[in-house]
Each structure stands twice: as C-alpha cells, then as structure tokens.
Amino acid sequence: MMEVRLSYSVKDQFKRMFDSLQEGIVVLNDGEIEYMNDLSNKFMAILSGMYDFQNNLNEDQEKSKINPLDRKIFYVFEVENNKDGTRSAKKKEKSKIAG
C-alpha cells in the first residue's frame, strides 16, 4: 500500500511540474520586462508579430524603437445582454478603457 501512495505522490509531483511549465510568467518592474519565461515570450512574439518580444526584436531581428509593452495587442470588450437572452461583446469606447 505504501508503494501505491508513493507512486501517486511521484505522479502528482510530475503533473504539477508539467503544469507549471505551461504557465506564462512575466515580471514587470517600472514598466520594463524584467523576466519573461519562454512560453510567454513565444506567445507574445507570435501575437505581436515580433521575433523576440522580451528583447524587443522585430521580424528582421533588429531592435524596435517601440517599447513592447506600449504595443496595442489586446482589445478590451464589454459584454452586453441582448433582449433575446443572448450575450454579445463589443469593443469598449476609448474613454472607458483605463490607462
């Protein structure tokens, strides 16, 4: 019975370790990227069309003049309830977007 518990414990440790490898981690300090794990860097690079998001390299592998954190990558949406009971999303007005 002890062997079975140990086996489940080891399996659980590997599962937690694998799950943590799938999480994006970004550390910001004073508006600068201090640390970004590989998953986050690849995801943000693909999303922004850059070669390397963390190091601010464009597709030509040249340093971009725009701070990567200043890029407008995400859009903020509002969810509204429609009269027919369905929900829809629309882009928020600029005045309602914080920052």
PDB file of N, CA and C in Angstrom:
ATOM      1  N   MET A   1       0.822  -1.194   0.000  1.00  0.00           N
ATOM      2  CA  MET A   1       0.000   0.000   0.000  1.00  0.00           C
ATOM      3  C   MET A   1       0.871   1.265   0.000  1.00  0.00           C
ATOM      4  N   MET A   2       1.969   1.227   0.728  1.00  0.00           N
ATOM      5  CA  MET A   2       2.873   2.373   0.784  1.00  0.00           C
ATOM      6  C   MET A   2       3.457   2.666  -0.601  1.00  0.00           C
ATOM      7  N   GLU A   3       3.713   1.605  -1.370  1.00  0.00           N
ATOM      8  CA  GLU A   3       4.256   1.752  -2.709  1.00  0.00           C
ATOM      9  C   GLU A   3       3.271   2.474  -3.628  1.00  0.00           C
ATOM     10  N   VAL A   4       1.996   2.177  -3.474  1.00  0.00           N
ATOM     11  CA  VAL A   4       0.959   2.809  -4.285  1.00  0.00           C
ATOM     12  C   VAL A   4       0.880   4.301  -3.948  1.00  0.00           C
ATOM     13  N   ARG A   5       0.935   4.643  -2.662  1.00  0.00           N
ATOM     14  CA  ARG A   5       0.909   6.050  -2.250  1.00  0.00           C
ATOM     15  C   ARG A   5       2.106   6.811  -2.805  1.00  0.00           C
ATOM     16  N   LEU A   6       3.270   6.182  -2.735  1.00  0.00           N
ATOM     17  CA  LEU A   6       4.476   6.802  -3.250  1.00  0.00           C
ATOM     18  C   LEU A   6       4.357   7.032  -4.755  1.00  0.00           C
ATOM     19  N   SER A   7       3.800   6.041  -5.453  1.00  0.00           N
ATOM     20  CA  SER A   7       3.624   6.152  -6.893  1.00  0.00           C
ATOM     21  C   SER A   7       2.702   7.322  -7.238  1.00  0.00           C
ATOM     22  N   TYR A   8       1.580   7.454  -6.515  1.00  0.00           N
ATOM     23  CA  TYR A   8       0.665   8.569  -6.755  1.00  0.00           C
ATOM     24  C   TYR A   8       1.311   9.904  -6.405  1.00  0.00           C
ATOM     25  N   SER A   9       2.114   9.906  -5.354  1.00  0.00           N
ATOM     26  CA  SER A   9       2.792  11.129  -4.944  1.00  0.00           C
ATOM     27  C   SER A   9       3.770  11.587  -6.016  1.00  0.00           C
ATOM     28  N   VAL A  10       4.546  10.673  -6.554  1.00  0.00           N
ATOM     29  CA  VAL A  10       5.513  10.997  -7.608  1.00  0.00           C
ATOM     30  C   VAL A  10       4.775  11.459  -8.859  1.00  0.00           C
ATOM     31  N   LYS A  11       3.679  10.762  -9.203  1.00  0.00           N
ATOM     32  CA  LYS A  11       2.883  11.141 -10.371  1.00  0.00           C
ATOM     33  C   LYS A  11       2.341  12.562 -10.195  1.00  0.00           C
ATOM     34  N   ASP A  12       1.867  12.878  -8.994  1.00  0.00           N
ATOM     35  CA  ASP A  12       1.329  14.205  -8.714  1.00  0.00           C
ATOM     36  C   ASP A  12       2.415  15.268  -8.813  1.00  0.00           C
ATOM     37  N   GLN A  13       3.611  14.969  -8.345  1.00  0.00           N
ATOM     38  CA  GLN A  13       4.720  15.922  -8.436  1.00  0.00           C
ATOM     39  C   GLN A  13       5.074  16.212  -9.891  1.00  0.00           C
ATOM     40  N   PHE A  14       5.124  15.167 -10.711  1.00  0.00           N
ATOM     41  CA  PHE A  14       5.422  15.363 -12.127  1.00  0.00           C
ATOM     42  C   PHE A  14       4.315  16.155 -12.819  1.00  0.00           C
ATOM     43  N   LYS A  15       3.068  15.883 -12.446  1.00  0.00           N
ATOM     44  CA  LYS A  15       1.942  16.616 -13.034  1.00  0.00           C
ATOM     45  C   LYS A  15       2.026  18.101 -12.685  1.00  0.00           C
ATOM     46  N   ARG A  16       2.305  18.422 -11.423  1.00  0.00           N
ATOM     47  CA  ARG A  16       2.430  19.824 -11.018  1.00  0.00           C
ATOM     48  C   ARG A  16       3.601  20.495 -11.731  1.00  0.00           C
ATOM     49  N   MET A  17       4.711  19.765 -11.875  1.00  0.00           N
ATOM     50  CA  MET A  17       5.875  20.315 -12.550  1.00  0.00           C
ATOM     51  C   MET A  17       5.548  20.586 -14.021  1.00  0.00           C
ATOM     52  N   PHE A  18       4.872  19.643 -14.678  1.00  0.00           N
ATOM     53  CA  PHE A  18       4.499  19.814 -16.071  1.00  0.00           C
ATOM     54  C   PHE A  18       3.522  20.982 -16.236  1.00  0.00           C
ATOM     55  N   ASP A  19       2.547  21.086 -15.334  1.00  0.00           N
ATOM     56  CA  ASP A  19       1.580  22.178 -15.398  1.00  0.00           C
ATOM     57  C   ASP A  19       2.267  23.526 -15.238  1.00  0.00           C
ATOM     58  N   SER A  20       3.267  23.602 -14.369  1.00  0.00           N
ATOM     59  CA  SER A  20       3.949  24.879 -14.169  1.00  0.00           C
ATOM     60  C   SER A  20       4.753  25.275 -15.402  1.00  0.00           C
ATOM     61  N   LEU A  21       5.171  24.299 -16.198  1.00  0.00           N
ATOM     62  CA  LEU A  21       5.898  24.609 -17.422  1.00  0.00           C
ATOM     63  C   LEU A  21       4.984  25.214 -18.484  1.00  0.00           C
ATOM     64  N   GLN A  22       3.672  25.013 -18.323  1.00  0.00           N
ATOM     65  CA  GLN A  22       2.712  25.525 -19.289  1.00  0.00           C
ATOM     66  C   GLN A  22       2.178  26.897 -18.910  1.00  0.00           C
ATOM     67  N   GLU A  23       2.645  27.473 -17.823  1.00  0.00           N
ATOM     68  CA  GLU A  23       2.159  28.764 -17.371  1.00  0.00           C
ATOM     69  C   GLU A  23       3.075  29.875 -17.868  1.00  0.00           C
ATOM     70  N   GLY A  24       2.448  30.935 -18.312  1.00  0.00           N
ATOM     71  CA  GLY A  24       3.217  32.095 -18.738  1.00  0.00           C
ATOM     72  C   GLY A  24       3.591  32.944 -17.542  1.00  0.00           C
ATOM     73  N   ILE A  25       4.840  33.320 -17.455  1.00  0.00           N
ATOM     74  CA  ILE A  25       5.314  34.136 -16.342  1.00  0.00           C
ATOM     75  C   ILE A  25       5.984  35.386 -16.903  1.00  0.00           C
ATOM     76  N   VAL A  26       5.518  36.537 -16.447  1.00  0.00           N
ATOM     77  CA  VAL A  26       6.107  37.808 -16.848  1.00  0.00           C
ATOM     78  C   VAL A  26       6.293  38.641 -15.592  1.00  0.00           C
ATOM     79  N   VAL A  27       7.505  39.145 -15.377  1.00  0.00           N
ATOM     80  CA  VAL A  27       7.790  40.001 -14.235  1.00  0.00           C
ATOM     81  C   VAL A  27       8.097  41.393 -14.770  1.00  0.00           C
ATOM     82  N   LEU A  28       7.301  42.373 -14.326  1.00  0.00           N
ATOM     83  CA  LEU A  28       7.489  43.755 -14.749  1.00  0.00           C
ATOM     84  C   LEU A  28       8.000  44.580 -13.584  1.00  0.00           C
ATOM     85  N   ASN A  29       8.883  45.528 -13.889  1.00  0.00           N
ATOM     86  CA  ASN A  29       9.401  46.433 -12.872  1.00  0.00           C
ATOM     87  C   ASN A  29       9.541  47.808 -13.502  1.00  0.00           C
ATOM     88  N   ASP A  30       8.816  48.779 -12.993  1.00  0.00           N
ATOM     89  CA  ASP A  30       8.844  50.151 -13.514  1.00  0.00           C
ATOM     90  C   ASP A  30       8.600  50.214 -15.014  1.00  0.00           C
ATOM     91  N   GLY A  31       7.621  49.453 -15.489  1.00  0.00           N
ATOM     92  CA  GLY A  31       7.256  49.492 -16.902  1.00  0.00           C
ATOM     93  C   GLY A  31       8.220  48.785 -17.833  1.00  0.00           C
ATOM     94  N   GLU A  32       9.119  48.003 -17.299  1.00  0.00           N
ATOM     95  CA  GLU A  32      10.080  47.247 -18.110  1.00  0.00           C
ATOM     96  C   GLU A  32       9.927  45.760 -17.810  1.00  0.00           C
ATOM     97  N   ILE A  33      10.163  44.922 -18.826  1.00  0.00           N
ATOM     98  CA  ILE A  33      10.118  43.474 -18.627  1.00  0.00           C
ATOM     99  C   ILE A  33      11.414  43.061 -17.947  1.00  0.00           C
ATOM    100  N   GLU A  34      11.287  42.574 -16.734  1.00  0.00           N
ATOM    101  CA  GLU A  34      12.464  42.129 -16.004  1.00  0.00           C
ATOM    102  C   GLU A  34      12.739  40.651 -16.274  1.00  0.00           C
ATOM    103  N   TYR A  35      11.670  39.871 -16.375  1.00  0.00           N
ATOM    104  CA  TYR A  35      11.807  38.441 -16.676  1.00  0.00           C
ATOM    105  C   TYR A  35      10.571  37.980 -17.423  1.00  0.00           C
ATOM    106  N   MET A  36      10.776  37.099 -18.386  1.00  0.00           N
ATOM    107  CA  MET A  36       9.671  36.505 -19.132  1.00  0.00           C
ATOM    108  C   MET A  36      10.088  35.085 -19.488  1.00  0.00           C
ATOM    109  N   ASN A  37       9.258  34.097 -19.118  1.00  0.00           N
ATOM    110  CA  ASN A  37       9.640  32.727 -19.468  1.00  0.00           C
ATOM    111  C   ASN A  37       9.422  32.493 -20.958  1.00  0.00           C
ATOM    112  N   ASP A  38       9.953  31.400 -21.456  1.00  0.00           N
ATOM    113  CA  ASP A  38       9.962  31.111 -22.881  1.00  0.00           C
ATOM    114  C   ASP A  38       8.550  31.033 -23.459  1.00  0.00           C
ATOM    115  N   LEU A  39       7.625  30.416 -22.728  1.00  0.00           N
ATOM    116  CA  LEU A  39       6.251  30.296 -23.214  1.00  0.00           C
ATOM    117  C   LEU A  39       5.632  31.674 -23.417  1.00  0.00           C
ATOM    118  N   SER A  40       5.796  32.559 -22.454  1.00  0.00           N
ATOM    119  CA  SER A  40       5.252  33.912 -22.571  1.00  0.00           C
ATOM    120  C   SER A  40       5.898  34.667 -23.715  1.00  0.00           C
ATOM    121  N   ASN A  41       7.206  34.541 -23.848  1.00  0.00           N
ATOM    122  CA  ASN A  41       7.916  35.241 -24.911  1.00  0.00           C
ATOM    123  C   ASN A  41       7.449  34.774 -26.290  1.00  0.00           C
ATOM    124  N   LYS A  42       7.310  33.465 -26.472  1.00  0.00           N
ATOM    125  CA  LYS A  42       6.855  32.938 -27.762  1.00  0.00           C
ATOM    126  C   LYS A  42       5.422  33.367 -28.050  1.00  0.00           C
ATOM    127  N   PHE A  43       4.566  33.280 -27.046  1.00  0.00           N
ATOM    128  CA  PHE A  43       3.162  33.656 -27.214  1.00  0.00           C
ATOM    129  C   PHE A  43       3.038  35.130 -27.595  1.00  0.00           C
ATOM    130  N   MET A  44       3.716  35.993 -26.864  1.00  0.00           N
ATOM    131  CA  MET A  44       3.628  37.428 -27.124  1.00  0.00           C
ATOM    132  C   MET A  44       4.302  37.792 -28.449  1.00  0.00           C
ATOM    133  N   ALA A  45       5.376  37.091 -28.813  1.00  0.00           N
ATOM    134  CA  ALA A  45       6.048  37.352 -30.088  1.00  0.00           C
ATOM    135  C   ALA A  45       5.123  37.009 -31.252  1.00  0.00           C
ATOM    136  N   ILE A  46       4.456  35.882 -31.172  1.00  0.00           N
ATOM    137  CA  ILE A  46       3.520  35.489 -32.234  1.00  0.00           C
ATOM    138  C   ILE A  46       2.357  36.465 -32.298  1.00  0.00           C
ATOM    139  N   LEU A  47       1.834  36.819 -31.150  1.00  0.00           N
ATOM    140  CA  LEU A  47       0.690  37.722 -31.078  1.00  0.00           C
ATOM    141  C   LEU A  47       1.018  39.109 -31.625  1.00  0.00           C
ATOM    142  N   SER A  48       2.231  39.577 -31.379  1.00  0.00           N
ATOM    143  CA  SER A  48       2.618  40.925 -31.795  1.00  0.00           C
ATOM    144  C   SER A  48       3.342  40.953 -33.147  1.00  0.00           C
ATOM    145  N   GLY A  49       3.651  39.779 -33.703  1.00  0.00           N
ATOM    146  CA  GLY A  49       4.358  39.720 -34.977  1.00  0.00           C
ATOM    147  C   GLY A  49       5.836  40.059 -34.854  1.00  0.00           C
ATOM    148  N   MET A  50       6.380  39.863 -33.660  1.00  0.00           N
ATOM    149  CA  MET A  50       7.795  40.158 -33.437  1.00  0.00           C
ATOM    150  C   MET A  50       8.608  38.862 -33.459  1.00  0.00           C
ATOM    151  N   TYR A  51       9.908  38.998 -33.572  1.00  0.00           N
ATOM    152  CA  TYR A  51      10.802  37.841 -33.499  1.00  0.00           C
ATOM    153  C   TYR A  51      11.035  37.448 -32.042  1.00  0.00           C
ATOM    154  N   ASP A  52      11.278  38.427 -31.189  1.00  0.00           N
ATOM    155  CA  ASP A  52      11.540  38.188 -29.773  1.00  0.00           C
ATOM    156  C   ASP A  52      10.912  39.340 -28.983  1.00  0.00           C
ATOM    157  N   PHE A  53       9.823  39.052 -28.281  1.00  0.00           N
ATOM    158  CA  PHE A  53       9.091  40.093 -27.566  1.00  0.00           C
ATOM    159  C   PHE A  53       9.901  40.647 -26.405  1.00  0.00           C
ATOM    160  N   GLN A  54      10.511  39.774 -25.615  1.00  0.00           N
ATOM    161  CA  GLN A  54      11.242  40.200 -24.425  1.00  0.00           C
ATOM    162  C   GLN A  54      12.414  41.117 -24.771  1.00  0.00           C
ATOM    163  N   ASN A  55      13.149  40.766 -25.799  1.00  0.00           N
ATOM    164  CA  ASN A  55      14.318  41.557 -26.199  1.00  0.00           C
ATOM    165  C   ASN A  55      13.964  42.643 -27.217  1.00  0.00           C
ATOM    166  N   ASN A  56      12.669  42.784 -27.523  1.00  0.00           N
ATOM    167  CA  ASN A  56      12.152  43.839 -28.395  1.00  0.00           C
ATOM    168  C   ASN A  56      12.770  43.788 -29.792  1.00  0.00           C
ATOM    169  N   LEU A  57      12.857  42.577 -30.355  1.00  0.00           N
ATOM    170  CA  LEU A  57      13.406  42.400 -31.699  1.00  0.00           C
ATOM    171  C   LEU A  57      12.268  42.184 -32.691  1.00  0.00           C
ATOM    172  N   ASN A  58      12.253  42.974 -33.773  1.00  0.00           N
ATOM    173  CA  ASN A  58      11.213  42.815 -34.779  1.00  0.00           C
ATOM    174  C   ASN A  58      11.508  41.603 -35.661  1.00  0.00           C
ATOM    175  N   GLU A  59      10.687  41.405 -36.698  1.00  0.00           N
ATOM    176  CA  GLU A  59      10.832  40.222 -37.553  1.00  0.00           C
ATOM    177  C   GLU A  59      12.189  40.160 -38.253  1.00  0.00           C
ATOM    178  N   ASP A  60      12.821  41.322 -38.461  1.00  0.00           N
ATOM    179  CA  ASP A  60      14.148  41.363 -39.088  1.00  0.00           C
ATOM    180  C   ASP A  60      15.268  41.197 -38.065  1.00  0.00           C
ATOM    181  N   GLN A  61      14.895  40.882 -36.837  1.00  0.00           N
ATOM    182  CA  GLN A  61      15.813  40.703 -35.708  1.00  0.00           C
ATOM    183  C   GLN A  61      16.583  41.982 -35.398  1.00  0.00           C
ATOM    184  N   GLU A  62      15.946  43.123 -35.653  1.00  0.00           N
ATOM    185  CA  GLU A  62      16.515  44.416 -35.299  1.00  0.00           C
ATOM    186  C   GLU A  62      15.753  44.971 -34.109  1.00  0.00           C
ATOM    187  N   LYS A  63      16.448  45.717 -33.274  1.00  0.00           N
ATOM    188  CA  LYS A  63      15.838  46.318 -32.079  1.00  0.00           C
ATOM    189  C   LYS A  63      14.756  47.310 -32.504  1.00  0.00           C
ATOM    190  N   SER A  64      13.557  47.139 -31.975  1.00  0.00           N
ATOM    191  CA  SER A  64      12.450  48.033 -32.295  1.00  0.00           C
ATOM    192  C   SER A  64      12.531  49.291 -31.436  1.00  0.00           C
ATOM    193  N   LYS A  65      12.060  50.407 -31.977  1.00  0.00           N
ATOM    194  CA  LYS A  65      12.063  51.668 -31.231  1.00  0.00           C
ATOM    195  C   LYS A  65      10.874  51.760 -30.284  1.00  0.00           C
ATOM    196  N   ILE A  66       9.852  50.941 -30.522  1.00  0.00           N
ATOM    197  CA  ILE A  66       8.651  50.961 -29.690  1.00  0.00           C
ATOM    198  C   ILE A  66       8.831  49.988 -28.532  1.00  0.00           C
ATOM    199  N   ASN A  67       8.549  50.442 -27.313  1.00  0.00           N
ATOM    200  CA  ASN A  67       8.577  49.563 -26.151  1.00  0.00           C
ATOM    201  C   ASN A  67       7.535  48.472 -26.368  1.00  0.00           C
ATOM    202  N   PRO A  68       7.901  47.197 -26.205  1.00  0.00           N
ATOM    203  CA  PRO A  68       6.936  46.126 -26.463  1.00  0.00           C
ATOM    204  C   PRO A  68       5.678  46.233 -25.588  1.00  0.00           C
ATOM    205  N   LEU A  69       5.805  46.815 -24.409  1.00  0.00           N
ATOM    206  CA  LEU A  69       4.644  46.941 -23.529  1.00  0.00           C
ATOM    207  C   LEU A  69       3.703  48.054 -23.977  1.00  0.00           C
ATOM    208  N   ASP A  70       4.163  48.933 -24.867  1.00  0.00           N
ATOM    209  CA  ASP A  70       3.315  50.001 -25.392  1.00  0.00           C
ATOM    210  C   ASP A  70       2.533  49.584 -26.624  1.00  0.00           C
ATOM    211  N   ARG A  71       2.771  48.391 -27.121  1.00  0.00           N
ATOM    212  CA  ARG A  71       2.060  47.913 -28.313  1.00  0.00           C
ATOM    213  C   ARG A  71       0.604  47.617 -27.965  1.00  0.00           C
ATOM    214  N   LYS A  72      -0.282  47.978 -28.857  1.00  0.00           N
ATOM    215  CA  LYS A  72      -1.718  47.733 -28.665  1.00  0.00           C
ATOM    216  C   LYS A  72      -2.041  46.336 -29.197  1.00  0.00           C
ATOM    217  N   ILE A  73      -1.856  45.337 -28.348  1.00  0.00           N
ATOM    218  CA  ILE A  73      -2.042  43.953 -28.762  1.00  0.00           C
ATOM    219  C   ILE A  73      -3.446  43.468 -28.411  1.00  0.00           C
ATOM    220  N   PHE A  74      -3.900  43.808 -27.224  1.00  0.00           N
ATOM    221  CA  PHE A  74      -5.187  43.315 -26.756  1.00  0.00           C
ATOM    222  C   PHE A  74      -6.243  44.397 -26.872  1.00  0.00           C
ATOM    223  N   TYR A  75      -7.444  43.989 -27.141  1.00  0.00           N
ATOM    224  CA  TYR A  75      -8.570  44.901 -27.180  1.00  0.00           C
ATOM    225  C   TYR A  75      -9.474  44.580 -26.001  1.00  0.00           C
ATOM    226  N   VAL A  76     -10.054  45.583 -25.432  1.00  0.00           N
ATOM    227  CA  VAL A  76     -10.935  45.405 -24.290  1.00  0.00           C
ATOM    228  C   VAL A  76     -12.369  45.395 -24.810  1.00  0.00           C
ATOM    229  N   PHE A  77     -13.130  44.404 -24.387  1.00  0.00           N
ATOM    230  CA  PHE A  77     -14.504  44.262 -24.844  1.00  0.00           C
ATOM    231  C   PHE A  77     -15.474  44.324 -23.674  1.00  0.00           C
ATOM    232  N   GLU A  78     -16.674  44.811 -23.943  1.00  0.00           N
ATOM    233  CA  GLU A  78     -17.764  44.796 -22.983  1.00  0.00           C
ATOM    234  C   GLU A  78     -18.726  43.700 -23.408  1.00  0.00           C
ATOM    235  N   VAL A  79     -19.269  43.010 -22.435  1.00  0.00           N
ATOM    236  CA  VAL A  79     -20.281  42.000 -22.730  1.00  0.00           C
ATOM    237  C   VAL A  79     -21.630  42.590 -22.395  1.00  0.00           C
ATOM    238  N   GLU A  80     -22.554  42.462 -23.342  1.00  0.00           N
ATOM    239  CA  GLU A  80     -23.893  43.000 -23.142  1.00  0.00           C
ATOM    240  C   GLU A  80     -24.915  41.889 -23.241  1.00  0.00           C
ATOM    241  N   ASN A  81     -25.971  41.996 -22.449  1.00  0.00           N
ATOM    242  CA  ASN A  81     -27.097  41.072 -22.556  1.00  0.00           C
ATOM    243  C   ASN A  81     -28.064  41.622 -23.593  1.00  0.00           C
ATOM    244  N   ASN A  82     -28.399  40.807 -24.579  1.00  0.00           N
ATOM    245  CA  ASN A  82     -29.338  41.216 -25.609  1.00  0.00           C
ATOM    246  C   ASN A  82     -30.766  40.936 -25.159  1.00  0.00           C
ATOM    247  N   LYS A  83     -31.729  41.545 -25.835  1.00  0.00           N
ATOM    248  CA  LYS A  83     -33.144  41.363 -25.484  1.00  0.00           C
ATOM    249  C   LYS A  83     -33.603  39.926 -25.656  1.00  0.00           C
ATOM    250  N   ASP A  84     -32.974  39.200 -26.585  1.00  0.00           N
ATOM    251  CA  ASP A  84     -33.388  37.810 -26.831  1.00  0.00           C
ATOM    252  C   ASP A  84     -32.716  36.818 -25.883  1.00  0.00           C
ATOM    253  N   GLY A  85     -31.987  37.323 -24.893  1.00  0.00           N
ATOM    254  CA  GLY A  85     -31.363  36.455 -23.889  1.00  0.00           C
ATOM    255  C   GLY A  85     -29.948  36.028 -24.226  1.00  0.00           C
ATOM    256  N   THR A  86     -29.470  36.396 -25.404  1.00  0.00           N
ATOM    257  CA  THR A  86     -28.094  36.058 -25.768  1.00  0.00           C
ATOM    258  C   THR A  86     -27.156  37.161 -25.298  1.00  0.00           C
ATOM    259  N   ARG A  87     -25.874  36.877 -25.365  1.00  0.00           N
ATOM    260  CA  ARG A  87     -24.869  37.870 -24.960  1.00  0.00           C
ATOM    261  C   ARG A  87     -23.983  38.181 -26.150  1.00  0.00           C
ATOM    262  N   SER A  88     -23.520  39.402 -26.233  1.00  0.00           N
ATOM    263  CA  SER A  88     -22.612  39.785 -27.302  1.00  0.00           C
ATOM    264  C   SER A  88     -21.523  40.691 -26.732  1.00  0.00           C
ATOM    265  N   ALA A  89     -20.416  40.749 -27.436  1.00  0.00           N
ATOM    266  CA  ALA A  89     -19.297  41.585 -26.993  1.00  0.00           C
ATOM    267  C   ALA A  89     -19.065  42.674 -28.020  1.00  0.00           C
ATOM    268  N   LYS A  90     -18.774  43.861 -27.528  1.00  0.00           N
ATOM    269  CA  LYS A  90     -18.411  44.949 -28.427  1.00  0.00           C
ATOM    270  C   LYS A  90     -17.202  45.655 -27.841  1.00  0.00           C
ATOM    271  N   LYS A  91     -16.419  46.246 -28.704  1.00  0.00           N
ATOM    272  CA  LYS A  91     -15.206  46.938 -28.272  1.00  0.00           C
ATOM    273  C   LYS A  91     -15.597  48.140 -27.437  1.00  0.00           C
ATOM    274  N   LYS A  92     -14.910  48.304 -26.285  1.00  0.00           N
ATOM    275  CA  LYS A  92     -15.181  49.440 -25.401  1.00  0.00           C
ATOM    276  C   LYS A  92     -14.768  50.738 -26.054  1.00  0.00           C
ATOM    277  N   GLU A  93     -15.471  51.796 -25.695  1.00  0.00           N
ATOM    278  CA  GLU A  93     -15.078  53.121 -26.164  1.00  0.00           C
ATOM    279  C   GLU A  93     -13.755  53.483 -25.502  1.00  0.00           C
ATOM    280  N   LYS A  94     -12.971  54.292 -26.188  1.00  0.00           N
ATOM    281  CA  LYS A  94     -11.646  54.643 -25.696  1.00  0.00           C
ATOM    282  C   LYS A  94     -11.712  55.296 -24.325  1.00  0.00           C
ATOM    283  N   SER A  95     -12.745  56.105 -24.071  1.00  0.00           N
ATOM    284  CA  SER A  95     -12.865  56.802 -22.791  1.00  0.00           C
ATOM    285  C   SER A  95     -13.112  55.851 -21.633  1.00  0.00           C
ATOM    286  N   LYS A  96     -13.627  54.635 -21.922  1.00  0.00           N
ATOM    287  CA  LYS A  96     -13.927  53.680 -20.859  1.00  0.00           C
ATOM    288  C   LYS A  96     -12.738  52.766 -20.556  1.00  0.00           C
ATOM    289  N   ILE A  97     -11.721  52.777 -21.417  1.00  0.00           N
ATOM    290  CA  ILE A  97     -10.567  51.911 -21.203  1.00  0.00           C
ATOM    291  C   ILE A  97      -9.593  52.600 -20.270  1.00  0.00           C
ATOM    292  N   ALA A  98      -9.295  51.931 -19.170  1.00  0.00           N
ATOM    293  CA  ALA A  98      -8.363  52.519 -18.185  1.00  0.00           C
ATOM    294  C   ALA A  98      -6.950  52.502 -18.747  1.00  0.00           C
ATOM    295  N   GLY A  99      -6.178  53.527 -18.405  1.00  0.00           N
ATOM    296  CA  GLY A  99      -4.775  53.571 -18.796  1.00  0.00           C
ATOM    297  C   GLY A  99      -4.637  54.143 -20.138  1.00  0.00           C
TER     298      GLY A  99
END
